[in-house]
């Protein structure tokens, strides 16, 4: 058994890396929903694009990149995210390989069950929530605006 910061014994917790690309980039929102989650770094999903089907998702697409925050989750954080993301009905989980601090790591990401959800733009409030996350992470907001614009014409 390991000990925590206070010297108390604890069982090994199953921590998991999680890739955030949408509203969970927003630090305030994540602090309220997942108080024990920690940002461990930034990464880029190469060959993926940000898209909107009312809510954010990612899709494999050559020539695109998606900046992401990588969080370390405790089990209770993942359970809270499962509820928020509507897993398994709205989003499913996939494990992707990312490069974090020069090392390849496996991390979980939520991806929308796209067949049931057509492309559509995000609400203004939802887009602003994601934009605050982009700004605090230092990501290019042009990627976000491009995705929102493409969601209007993607299904045509």
C-alpha atoms as a PDB file:
ATOM      1  CA  UNK A   1       0.000   0.000   0.000  1.00  0.00           C
ATOM      2  CA  UNK A   2       1.080   3.560  -0.694  1.00  0.00           C
ATOM      3  CA  UNK A   3       0.658   6.527   1.587  1.00  0.00           C
ATOM      4  CA  UNK A   4      -0.903   9.886   0.753  1.00  0.00           C
ATOM      5  CA  UNK A   5       0.557  13.351   1.450  1.00  0.00           C
ATOM      6  CA  UNK A   6      -0.527  13.158   5.085  1.00  0.00           C
ATOM      7  CA  UNK A   7       1.129   9.772   5.614  1.00  0.00           C
ATOM      8  CA  UNK A   8      -2.154   7.847   5.705  1.00  0.00           C
ATOM      9  CA  UNK A   9      -2.217   4.496   3.985  1.00  0.00           C
ATOM     10  CA  UNK A  10      -4.340   4.180   0.886  1.00  0.00           C
ATOM     11  CA  UNK A  11      -5.020   1.532  -1.711  1.00  0.00           C
ATOM     12  CA  UNK A  12      -3.611   2.041  -5.175  1.00  0.00           C
ATOM     13  CA  UNK A  13      -6.167   4.065  -7.043  1.00  0.00           C
ATOM     14  CA  UNK A  14      -6.756   3.408 -10.716  1.00  0.00           C
ATOM     15  CA  UNK A  15      -5.764   6.760 -12.199  1.00  0.00           C
ATOM     16  CA  UNK A  16      -6.501   7.328 -15.839  1.00  0.00           C
ATOM     17  CA  UNK A  17      -5.336   9.872 -18.382  1.00  0.00           C
ATOM     18  CA  UNK A  18      -8.151  11.740 -20.106  1.00  0.00           C
ATOM     19  CA  UNK A  19      -8.051  13.871 -23.275  1.00  0.00           C
ATOM     20  CA  UNK A  20     -10.173  17.051 -23.173  1.00  0.00           C
ATOM     21  CA  UNK A  21     -10.886  19.021 -26.361  1.00  0.00           C
ATOM     22  CA  UNK A  22     -14.230  20.765 -25.695  1.00  0.00           C
ATOM     23  CA  UNK A  23     -15.930  22.238 -22.658  1.00  0.00           C
ATOM     24  CA  UNK A  24     -13.681  20.205 -20.343  1.00  0.00           C
ATOM     25  CA  UNK A  25     -10.808  22.481 -21.355  1.00  0.00           C
ATOM     26  CA  UNK A  26     -12.520  25.001 -19.075  1.00  0.00           C
ATOM     27  CA  UNK A  27     -10.625  24.800 -15.794  1.00  0.00           C
ATOM     28  CA  UNK A  28     -13.430  26.232 -13.652  1.00  0.00           C
ATOM     29  CA  UNK A  29     -15.973  23.823 -15.040  1.00  0.00           C
ATOM     30  CA  UNK A  30     -13.690  20.841 -14.476  1.00  0.00           C
ATOM     31  CA  UNK A  31     -12.835  21.980 -10.934  1.00  0.00           C
ATOM     32  CA  UNK A  32     -16.520  21.884 -10.037  1.00  0.00           C
ATOM     33  CA  UNK A  33     -17.260  18.588 -11.734  1.00  0.00           C
ATOM     34  CA  UNK A  34     -14.035  16.709 -11.033  1.00  0.00           C
ATOM     35  CA  UNK A  35     -12.326  18.268  -8.000  1.00  0.00           C
ATOM     36  CA  UNK A  36      -9.581  15.647  -7.784  1.00  0.00           C
ATOM     37  CA  UNK A  37      -8.646  15.778 -11.485  1.00  0.00           C
ATOM     38  CA  UNK A  38      -5.303  17.349 -12.376  1.00  0.00           C
ATOM     39  CA  UNK A  39      -4.016  18.778 -15.660  1.00  0.00           C
ATOM     40  CA  UNK A  40      -0.817  16.924 -16.501  1.00  0.00           C
ATOM     41  CA  UNK A  41      -0.028  18.529 -19.845  1.00  0.00           C
ATOM     42  CA  UNK A  42      -0.966  19.554 -23.347  1.00  0.00           C
ATOM     43  CA  UNK A  43      -0.897  17.474 -26.501  1.00  0.00           C
ATOM     44  CA  UNK A  44      -2.039  17.571 -30.111  1.00  0.00           C
ATOM     45  CA  UNK A  45      -4.212  14.967 -31.810  1.00  0.00           C
ATOM     46  CA  UNK A  46      -2.726  14.827 -35.313  1.00  0.00           C
ATOM     47  CA  UNK A  47      -5.036  13.602 -38.057  1.00  0.00           C
ATOM     48  CA  UNK A  48      -8.147  14.520 -36.047  1.00  0.00           C
ATOM     49  CA  UNK A  49     -10.474  17.493 -36.379  1.00  0.00           C
ATOM     50  CA  UNK A  50     -12.732  19.237 -33.924  1.00  0.00           C
ATOM     51  CA  UNK A  51     -16.385  19.110 -35.029  1.00  0.00           C
ATOM     52  CA  UNK A  52     -19.747  20.080 -33.632  1.00  0.00           C
ATOM     53  CA  UNK A  53     -22.886  17.997 -33.588  1.00  0.00           C
ATOM     54  CA  UNK A  54     -24.503  20.527 -31.272  1.00  0.00           C
ATOM     55  CA  UNK A  55     -21.769  19.560 -28.814  1.00  0.00           C
ATOM     56  CA  UNK A  56     -18.065  19.069 -29.470  1.00  0.00           C
ATOM     57  CA  UNK A  57     -16.579  15.872 -30.790  1.00  0.00           C
ATOM     58  CA  UNK A  58     -13.499  14.792 -32.683  1.00  0.00           C
ATOM     59  CA  UNK A  59     -13.275  12.923 -35.975  1.00  0.00           C
ATOM     60  CA  UNK A  60     -10.386  11.369 -37.853  1.00  0.00           C
ATOM     61  CA  UNK A  61      -9.470  13.712 -40.690  1.00  0.00           C
ATOM     62  CA  UNK A  62      -6.165  14.050 -42.549  1.00  0.00           C
ATOM     63  CA  UNK A  63      -4.649  17.502 -42.486  1.00  0.00           C
ATOM     64  CA  UNK A  64      -6.309  18.570 -39.234  1.00  0.00           C
ATOM     65  CA  UNK A  65      -4.984  18.807 -35.680  1.00  0.00           C
ATOM     66  CA  UNK A  66      -6.792  19.252 -32.361  1.00  0.00           C
ATOM     67  CA  UNK A  67      -5.061  20.787 -29.335  1.00  0.00           C
ATOM     68  CA  UNK A  68      -5.990  19.039 -26.094  1.00  0.00           C
ATOM     69  CA  UNK A  69      -5.441  19.167 -22.371  1.00  0.00           C
ATOM     70  CA  UNK A  70      -4.534  15.902 -20.711  1.00  0.00           C
ATOM     71  CA  UNK A  71      -5.994  15.315 -17.259  1.00  0.00           C
ATOM     72  CA  UNK A  72      -5.192  12.674 -14.662  1.00  0.00           C
ATOM     73  CA  UNK A  73      -8.515  11.367 -13.360  1.00  0.00           C
ATOM     74  CA  UNK A  74      -9.387   9.500 -10.216  1.00  0.00           C
ATOM     75  CA  UNK A  75     -12.234   6.953 -10.508  1.00  0.00           C
ATOM     76  CA  UNK A  76     -14.789   9.389  -9.042  1.00  0.00           C
ATOM     77  CA  UNK A  77     -13.788  11.983 -11.664  1.00  0.00           C
ATOM     78  CA  UNK A  78     -14.372   9.523 -14.477  1.00  0.00           C
ATOM     79  CA  UNK A  79     -17.787   8.607 -13.043  1.00  0.00           C
ATOM     80  CA  UNK A  80     -18.724  12.311 -12.937  1.00  0.00           C
ATOM     81  CA  UNK A  81     -17.576  12.734 -16.546  1.00  0.00           C
ATOM     82  CA  UNK A  82     -19.515   9.637 -17.625  1.00  0.00           C
ATOM     83  CA  UNK A  83     -22.690  11.288 -16.352  1.00  0.00           C
ATOM     84  CA  UNK A  84     -21.859  14.688 -17.857  1.00  0.00           C
ATOM     85  CA  UNK A  85     -20.946  13.215 -21.256  1.00  0.00           C
ATOM     86  CA  UNK A  86     -24.023  10.998 -21.430  1.00  0.00           C
ATOM     87  CA  UNK A  87     -21.891   7.870 -21.709  1.00  0.00           C
ATOM     88  CA  UNK A  88     -22.606   5.429 -23.321  1.00  0.00           C
ATOM     89  CA  UNK A  89     -25.598   6.906 -25.184  1.00  0.00           C
ATOM     90  CA  UNK A  90     -24.362  10.332 -26.357  1.00  0.00           C
ATOM     91  CA  UNK A  91     -20.604   9.636 -26.249  1.00  0.00           C
ATOM     92  CA  UNK A  92     -18.556   6.442 -26.304  1.00  0.00           C
ATOM     93  CA  UNK A  93     -15.038   6.052 -24.918  1.00  0.00           C
ATOM     94  CA  UNK A  94     -11.965   5.318 -26.981  1.00  0.00           C
ATOM     95  CA  UNK A  95      -8.323   4.966 -25.994  1.00  0.00           C
ATOM     96  CA  UNK A  96      -5.860   6.944 -28.108  1.00  0.00           C
ATOM     97  CA  UNK A  97      -2.080   7.206 -28.034  1.00  0.00           C
ATOM     98  CA  UNK A  98      -0.777  10.702 -27.331  1.00  0.00           C
ATOM     99  CA  UNK A  99       2.671  12.175 -26.876  1.00  0.00           C
ATOM    100  CA  UNK A 100       3.025  13.731 -23.439  1.00  0.00           C
ATOM    101  CA  UNK A 101       6.387  15.053 -22.261  1.00  0.00           C
ATOM    102  CA  UNK A 102       8.074  13.201 -25.123  1.00  0.00           C
ATOM    103  CA  UNK A 103       6.557   9.829 -24.188  1.00  0.00           C
ATOM    104  CA  UNK A 104       3.768   7.899 -25.906  1.00  0.00           C
ATOM    105  CA  UNK A 105       0.907   7.335 -23.471  1.00  0.00           C
ATOM    106  CA  UNK A 106      -2.571   5.831 -23.669  1.00  0.00           C
ATOM    107  CA  UNK A 107      -5.410   8.171 -22.761  1.00  0.00           C
ATOM    108  CA  UNK A 108      -9.199   7.950 -22.792  1.00  0.00           C
ATOM    109  CA  UNK A 109     -11.345  10.308 -24.836  1.00  0.00           C
ATOM    110  CA  UNK A 110     -15.103  10.703 -25.303  1.00  0.00           C
ATOM    111  CA  UNK A 111     -16.302  10.701 -28.938  1.00  0.00           C
ATOM    112  CA  UNK A 112     -19.905  11.315 -29.958  1.00  0.00           C
ATOM    113  CA  UNK A 113     -22.049   8.482 -31.290  1.00  0.00           C
ATOM    114  CA  UNK A 114     -22.288  10.366 -34.570  1.00  0.00           C
ATOM    115  CA  UNK A 115     -24.922   8.407 -36.458  1.00  0.00           C
ATOM    116  CA  UNK A 116     -27.648   9.676 -34.140  1.00  0.00           C
ATOM    117  CA  UNK A 117     -26.437  13.293 -34.117  1.00  0.00           C
ATOM    118  CA  UNK A 118     -26.180  15.431 -37.276  1.00  0.00           C
ATOM    119  CA  UNK A 119     -23.717  18.282 -37.630  1.00  0.00           C
ATOM    120  CA  UNK A 120     -25.003  21.469 -36.048  1.00  0.00           C
ATOM    121  CA  UNK A 121     -23.335  24.549 -34.563  1.00  0.00           C
ATOM    122  CA  UNK A 122     -22.804  24.954 -30.836  1.00  0.00           C
ATOM    123  CA  UNK A 123     -24.812  27.401 -28.750  1.00  0.00           C
ATOM    124  CA  UNK A 124     -23.158  30.749 -28.039  1.00  0.00           C
ATOM    125  CA  UNK A 125     -22.770  29.935 -24.320  1.00  0.00           C
ATOM    126  CA  UNK A 126     -21.245  26.517 -25.009  1.00  0.00           C
ATOM    127  CA  UNK A 127     -18.804  28.014 -27.523  1.00  0.00           C
ATOM    128  CA  UNK A 128     -17.806  30.692 -24.984  1.00  0.00           C
ATOM    129  CA  UNK A 129     -17.158  28.001 -22.350  1.00  0.00           C
ATOM    130  CA  UNK A 130     -14.804  26.215 -24.741  1.00  0.00           C
ATOM    131  CA  UNK A 131     -13.203  29.508 -25.797  1.00  0.00           C
ATOM    132  CA  UNK A 132     -12.303  30.272 -22.162  1.00  0.00           C
ATOM    133  CA  UNK A 133     -10.565  26.883 -22.046  1.00  0.00           C
ATOM    134  CA  UNK A 134      -8.701  27.623 -25.287  1.00  0.00           C
ATOM    135  CA  UNK A 135      -7.583  30.985 -23.929  1.00  0.00           C
ATOM    136  CA  UNK A 136      -6.356  29.634 -20.582  1.00  0.00           C
ATOM    137  CA  UNK A 137      -4.474  26.796 -22.324  1.00  0.00           C
ATOM    138  CA  UNK A 138      -2.929  29.132 -24.912  1.00  0.00           C
ATOM    139  CA  UNK A 139      -4.536  27.307 -27.859  1.00  0.00           C
ATOM    140  CA  UNK A 140      -5.272  28.970 -31.217  1.00  0.00           C
ATOM    141  CA  UNK A 141      -8.979  29.960 -31.127  1.00  0.00           C
ATOM    142  CA  UNK A 142      -9.025  29.834 -34.925  1.00  0.00           C
ATOM    143  CA  UNK A 143      -9.311  26.043 -34.655  1.00  0.00           C
ATOM    144  CA  UNK A 144     -12.443  26.436 -32.539  1.00  0.00           C
ATOM    145  CA  UNK A 145     -14.034  29.007 -34.860  1.00  0.00           C
ATOM    146  CA  UNK A 146     -13.209  26.918 -37.927  1.00  0.00           C
ATOM    147  CA  UNK A 147     -14.935  23.884 -36.394  1.00  0.00           C
ATOM    148  CA  UNK A 148     -18.012  25.921 -35.497  1.00  0.00           C
ATOM    149  CA  UNK A 149     -18.197  27.295 -39.048  1.00  0.00           C
ATOM    150  CA  UNK A 150     -17.713  23.882 -40.638  1.00  0.00           C
ATOM    151  CA  UNK A 151     -20.550  22.460 -38.545  1.00  0.00           C
ATOM    152  CA  UNK A 152     -22.980  24.697 -40.426  1.00  0.00           C
ATOM    153  CA  UNK A 153     -22.004  23.377 -43.869  1.00  0.00           C
ATOM    154  CA  UNK A 154     -20.738  19.859 -43.049  1.00  0.00           C
ATOM    155  CA  UNK A 155     -24.059  18.105 -43.531  1.00  0.00           C
ATOM    156  CA  UNK A 156     -24.976  19.905 -46.761  1.00  0.00           C
END
